[in-house]
């Protein structure tokens, strides 16, 4: 647990090239797409973030760890609590939210507060130069925020009245909106975390991270 907290908290501001750990806070997000298109859902959107920054990883805390034993193919699980995750930067959105149409391109802030998350991943042994590495092949994340908040600038081609009203509507109905989009958000954040975790475990042999218990 101490190692995980060190990786994702203490070193998050600058990163750690020795661990192949990029700067995590803020974490640069080149592109993230949240696509919610189920016909039965009252929310149907394609929300694209480009060149965003994700804040909050340095303040997250790992409270429970499972796995990381002798069997590298076993499932590994990390439970995290975070004060906030804020994704800030340019966006584009098209679709409908609780029946109302929504469209816009501009700057956005999507913040989740008091988040409890479970990161689960698995992999397979990969031998390089006589050393065994963990090749992370599958990762999922499930996040449960206490609340979420949204702000999108320049909605409806800059119509301020419509945009302001939509932002109020989104935040008044944020719980219902998050519930409808949770799976899509989890998928997108899972891809983000996969890149981070895969990079770290590809840098050093597995034994360097976790001492072999007798």
Protein backbone atom coordinates (compact mmCIF):
# COMPACT_ATOMS: atom_id res chain seq x y z
CA UNK A 1 0.00 0.00 0.00
CA UNK A 2 2.86 2.36 0.83
CA UNK A 3 4.40 1.76 -2.59
CA UNK A 4 1.12 2.48 -4.38
CA UNK A 5 0.59 5.70 -2.42
CA UNK A 6 4.14 6.75 -3.25
CA UNK A 7 3.64 6.08 -6.95
CA UNK A 8 0.34 7.89 -7.25
CA UNK A 9 0.67 10.64 -4.63
CA UNK A 10 4.17 11.65 -3.54
CA UNK A 11 5.68 11.55 -7.02
CA UNK A 12 2.63 12.80 -8.86
CA UNK A 13 3.63 16.44 -9.24
CA UNK A 14 6.86 15.88 -11.20
CA UNK A 15 6.58 12.24 -12.20
CA UNK A 16 9.46 9.78 -11.93
CA UNK A 17 11.40 8.82 -15.09
CA UNK A 18 13.05 5.96 -13.17
CA UNK A 19 9.63 4.35 -12.83
CA UNK A 20 8.40 5.45 -16.25
CA UNK A 21 5.87 7.51 -14.31
CA UNK A 22 4.59 10.56 -16.13
CA UNK A 23 3.51 13.72 -14.33
CA UNK A 24 0.19 12.76 -12.78
CA UNK A 25 -1.06 16.02 -11.32
CA UNK A 26 -2.09 17.66 -13.41
CA UNK A 27 -2.24 14.74 -15.81
CA UNK A 28 -2.30 15.76 -19.45
CA UNK A 29 -5.25 14.20 -21.25
CA UNK A 30 -4.72 14.45 -25.00
CA UNK A 31 -8.16 13.14 -25.86
CA UNK A 32 -11.03 11.57 -23.97
CA UNK A 33 -14.41 10.69 -25.45
CA UNK A 34 -17.45 9.99 -23.30
CA UNK A 35 -20.05 8.42 -25.55
CA UNK A 36 -23.43 7.56 -24.11
CA UNK A 37 -25.76 6.37 -26.82
CA UNK A 38 -28.09 3.75 -25.39
CA UNK A 39 -31.53 4.28 -26.91
CA UNK A 40 -33.29 3.57 -23.62
CA UNK A 41 -31.32 6.25 -21.75
CA UNK A 42 -32.61 9.82 -21.34
CA UNK A 43 -29.02 10.96 -21.83
CA UNK A 44 -27.50 10.51 -25.28
CA UNK A 45 -24.29 12.48 -25.80
CA UNK A 46 -20.90 12.45 -27.42
CA UNK A 47 -18.62 14.54 -25.22
CA UNK A 48 -15.06 14.97 -26.45
CA UNK A 49 -12.28 16.51 -24.36
CA UNK A 50 -9.01 17.50 -26.07
CA UNK A 51 -5.80 18.81 -24.49
CA UNK A 52 -7.34 18.73 -21.01
CA UNK A 53 -5.69 18.60 -17.60
CA UNK A 54 -6.88 16.24 -14.86
CA UNK A 55 -6.34 17.53 -11.31
CA UNK A 56 -6.66 15.62 -8.05
CA UNK A 57 -4.49 12.51 -8.34
CA UNK A 58 -1.86 13.87 -5.93
CA UNK A 59 -4.46 14.08 -3.17
CA UNK A 60 -5.98 10.65 -3.71
CA UNK A 61 -5.33 7.99 -1.10
CA UNK A 62 -5.12 4.25 -1.56
CA UNK A 63 -7.00 2.50 1.23
CA UNK A 64 -6.89 -1.14 0.22
CA UNK A 65 -4.83 -3.33 -2.08
CA UNK A 66 -5.49 -6.90 -3.22
CA UNK A 67 -3.28 -9.12 -5.32
CA UNK A 68 0.36 -8.42 -6.18
CA UNK A 69 1.34 -11.90 -5.02
CA UNK A 70 3.39 -14.60 -6.70
CA UNK A 71 0.81 -15.22 -9.45
CA UNK A 72 1.17 -12.42 -11.95
CA UNK A 73 -1.94 -13.56 -13.85
CA UNK A 74 -4.16 -13.02 -10.80
CA UNK A 75 -6.45 -10.03 -10.54
CA UNK A 76 -5.00 -6.98 -8.81
CA UNK A 77 -7.30 -4.47 -7.14
CA UNK A 78 -6.68 -1.03 -5.66
CA UNK A 79 -9.33 0.92 -3.75
CA UNK A 80 -8.91 4.68 -3.87
CA UNK A 81 -10.53 7.67 -2.20
CA UNK A 82 -10.07 11.14 -3.66
CA UNK A 83 -11.24 14.57 -2.57
CA UNK A 84 -11.82 15.72 -6.13
CA UNK A 85 -11.10 14.83 -9.72
CA UNK A 86 -11.38 17.85 -12.04
CA UNK A 87 -11.05 17.60 -15.81
CA UNK A 88 -10.45 21.06 -17.26
CA UNK A 89 -9.98 22.25 -20.83
CA UNK A 90 -11.51 22.35 -24.31
CA UNK A 91 -14.60 20.28 -25.08
CA UNK A 92 -17.14 19.53 -27.75
CA UNK A 93 -20.57 18.14 -26.96
CA UNK A 94 -23.51 17.02 -29.10
CA UNK A 95 -26.67 15.20 -28.09
CA UNK A 96 -29.43 15.36 -25.51
CA UNK A 97 -29.54 15.50 -21.72
CA UNK A 98 -32.77 14.36 -20.07
CA UNK A 99 -34.60 15.03 -23.35
CA UNK A 100 -33.18 18.57 -23.79
CA UNK A 101 -30.83 19.06 -26.77
CA UNK A 102 -27.30 20.21 -26.01
CA UNK A 103 -24.46 21.36 -28.24
CA UNK A 104 -21.37 23.44 -27.84
CA UNK A 105 -17.63 23.90 -28.22
CA UNK A 106 -15.54 25.78 -25.69
CA UNK A 107 -13.93 25.40 -22.28
CA UNK A 108 -15.26 23.05 -19.62
CA UNK A 109 -14.80 21.89 -16.05
CA UNK A 110 -16.14 18.52 -14.97
CA UNK A 111 -15.50 17.90 -11.26
CA UNK A 112 -16.29 14.85 -9.16
CA UNK A 113 -16.25 15.29 -5.36
CA UNK A 114 -15.40 12.75 -2.64
CA UNK A 115 -14.78 9.93 -5.06
CA UNK A 116 -14.50 6.29 -4.09
CA UNK A 117 -12.97 4.23 -6.86
CA UNK A 118 -11.92 0.65 -7.46
CA UNK A 119 -9.18 0.03 -10.02
CA UNK A 120 -8.96 -3.62 -11.11
CA UNK A 121 -6.38 -4.91 -13.52
CA UNK A 122 -4.77 -8.11 -14.66
CA UNK A 123 -1.94 -9.09 -16.91
CA UNK A 124 0.50 -11.77 -17.87
CA UNK A 125 4.17 -12.47 -17.26
CA UNK A 126 6.48 -11.02 -19.89
CA UNK A 127 10.11 -12.15 -19.88
CA UNK A 128 12.69 -9.65 -21.14
CA UNK A 129 16.44 -10.18 -20.82
CA UNK A 130 15.90 -12.94 -18.30
CA UNK A 131 13.68 -10.79 -16.05
CA UNK A 132 9.92 -11.18 -15.56
CA UNK A 133 7.71 -8.14 -16.01
CA UNK A 134 3.98 -7.68 -15.52
CA UNK A 135 2.37 -6.91 -18.86
CA UNK A 136 -0.89 -5.20 -17.91
CA UNK A 137 -3.51 -6.25 -20.46
CA UNK A 138 -6.84 -5.33 -18.91
CA UNK A 139 -7.91 -2.56 -16.54
CA UNK A 140 -11.28 -1.31 -15.35
CA UNK A 141 -12.23 1.45 -12.96
CA UNK A 142 -15.51 2.00 -11.14
CA UNK A 143 -16.00 5.44 -9.63
CA UNK A 144 -18.67 6.57 -7.19
CA UNK A 145 -18.54 10.30 -6.47
CA UNK A 146 -20.59 11.86 -3.71
CA UNK A 147 -21.49 14.64 -6.13
CA UNK A 148 -20.50 16.01 -9.51
CA UNK A 149 -20.44 19.50 -11.00
CA UNK A 150 -20.32 20.72 -14.59
CA UNK A 151 -19.58 23.95 -16.40
CA UNK A 152 -19.50 24.32 -20.18
CA UNK A 153 -18.75 27.67 -21.79
CA UNK A 154 -20.04 28.72 -25.20
CA UNK A 155 -22.98 26.34 -25.36
CA UNK A 156 -25.44 26.80 -28.22
CA UNK A 157 -23.03 28.88 -30.33
CA UNK A 158 -22.45 31.35 -27.53
CA UNK A 159 -26.09 32.06 -26.65
CA UNK A 160 -25.46 33.19 -23.06
CA UNK A 161 -29.02 32.87 -21.82
CA UNK A 162 -29.43 29.34 -23.15
CA UNK A 163 -25.94 28.36 -22.01
CA UNK A 164 -26.41 29.70 -18.48
CA UNK A 165 -29.76 27.96 -18.15
CA UNK A 166 -28.30 24.68 -19.39
CA UNK A 167 -25.42 24.84 -16.89
CA UNK A 168 -27.92 25.43 -14.08
CA UNK A 169 -30.03 22.53 -15.36
CA UNK A 170 -27.00 20.21 -15.56
CA UNK A 171 -26.00 20.92 -11.98
CA UNK A 172 -29.52 20.71 -10.60
CA UNK A 173 -29.78 17.26 -12.19
CA UNK A 174 -26.14 16.21 -11.80
CA UNK A 175 -26.92 13.07 -9.79
CA UNK A 176 -29.27 11.69 -12.44
CA UNK A 177 -26.94 12.71 -15.27
CA UNK A 178 -23.93 11.05 -13.67
CA UNK A 179 -25.90 7.88 -13.05
CA UNK A 180 -26.80 7.68 -16.74
CA UNK A 181 -23.24 8.38 -17.93
CA UNK A 182 -21.28 6.50 -15.22
CA UNK A 183 -20.40 3.47 -17.36
CA UNK A 184 -19.18 5.65 -20.21
CA UNK A 185 -17.11 7.79 -17.82
CA UNK A 186 -15.62 4.69 -16.18
CA UNK A 187 -14.62 3.30 -19.58
CA UNK A 188 -12.88 6.54 -20.51
CA UNK A 189 -11.05 6.87 -17.20
CA UNK A 190 -10.12 3.19 -17.40
CA UNK A 191 -8.25 3.81 -20.66
CA UNK A 192 -6.47 6.72 -19.01
CA UNK A 193 -5.37 4.69 -15.98
CA UNK A 194 -4.36 1.75 -18.19
CA UNK A 195 -1.74 3.90 -19.88
CA UNK A 196 -0.29 5.00 -16.54
CA UNK A 197 -0.23 1.57 -14.89
CA UNK A 198 1.02 -0.25 -17.99
CA UNK A 199 3.87 2.22 -18.35
CA UNK A 200 5.05 1.79 -14.76
CA UNK A 201 5.06 -2.01 -14.79
CA UNK A 202 6.83 -2.12 -18.16
CA UNK A 203 9.79 -0.21 -16.72
CA UNK A 204 11.01 -2.52 -13.95
CA UNK A 205 10.85 -6.29 -13.32
CA UNK A 206 7.92 -7.31 -11.14
CA UNK A 207 10.19 -8.47 -8.31
CA UNK A 208 11.58 -4.93 -7.98
CA UNK A 209 8.16 -3.65 -6.93
CA UNK A 210 7.07 -6.36 -4.54
CA UNK A 211 9.40 -8.42 -2.36
CA UNK A 212 8.85 -12.17 -2.65
CA UNK A 213 7.37 -13.47 0.59
CA UNK A 214 8.75 -16.70 1.96
